[in-house]
Amino acid sequence: VDVANDVDLTILEWSGYEQAKYHLEYNAKYGGQPAVSLFAEEKDAMQRMRNGYQVDLIHLCVNSLNEARDAGLIKPLDISRIPRWSDISPSLLEIEDVQVDGEYWLAPWEWGFSTVAYNPEAFEIENATYDIFVDPRFKGKTALTSSLSVNHIIAGVIGRWADPLDPTDAEMDMAPEIFTKMLENARFIWSDGTQLEQAWVAGDVGISYVFGSATRRWKRTGIPVVVVPPVMTWMCGLSLSANGAGSEQQAYDYINAMLAPASGVALFDQYNYGHGNSKTVDLLDPEQIEGLGIDDPANFFERGLFTGATPPAKESRLYQLWFEAQAGLN
């Protein structure tokens, strides 16, 4: 029997996560895919909402929650309307900014780590650190992500800032020099992982920020890559938009569908990421998840550097300094 298409839901979503395999229950119930608008940068997605674009759900990462909440773009979740909420791993709900004033602002969906990495066939590097981004030996062989928040963290690690996410004024005074060196060394800035991978395989670049999913896949497919510590851990999920014009019930049904263990299996098969639902890991091959840490979220976030939020005034200043450094090169 054909289900009538009753879809009344619009989502701002990262490119790739809109696929039906991640929310099969929703499509079965409402007879089709929700309306989806894709983005590659959270800042762009939030700016579209500020400009009046109406959506019902937005897929945010933890480091953007404060900004979205303070700007009135999202509203708290009524967790009683998400049947699988009780299956979410408790340690994910304890991550800073997820719960504020006793209310939850994000349904955790995916989490993992990103890396700084280099190509060992292109360079011999002993005890590599993030300093490889500013080492003159590698000029023209590095690539930078378009994510400014990641570049700030990299600069903070290079500058030995006590907390790369919350630099002091004196530490921020070091930023222009570090930013300039990072930009001078870089062959290009990428927002599409495919562009990075092609340049890596071609030998054009051999140092970059690399998504953890890509690092894993490259190793499996024989692309040479060595991870440089610290890894950067992160978590993202779904937030309820404050300006939605669609069905709020469908928004909650969509969140619940995304939290199905089968959705988490599809997520792992595609990206090797951890899933919000603690029951998902029981469906995965133990050999596949070995060494990833996704079976132990409590300890996962104790390692490396968690990419949380930077205080807004400091973030604005760092953005300004980055743009000035870019302008200074042209």
Foldseek 3Di string as FASTA:
>chain_A
DQAAQQAFFEEEEAPPLQDCLLQVVLCVVRVHGHHYDYDLDVVVVLVVVVVPDAGFKYKWWQQCLVVCVVVQFFDFDPCVLQVLQVQFDVLVCVPPNQADPNTGFFQWFWKAWWFKKFFCVLDPDDQDALCVLLPPVQAQAEEEEPHLLVVQLSLCVVLVAPASQEGDPVSVVCLLVSLLSNVRRHNYYDSDLVVVVVCQQVRRHTIYIGGPLVVVVCVVVVRGMDTHDDIEIIIIGMGTTPRHPTDNSSVSSRRNSSQPLSSQVVCCVRRVIATRGLCNVVVDDVVSNPPRCSNPVNVNVVGGHYSHYHPPVVVVVSVVSNVVSVVVVD
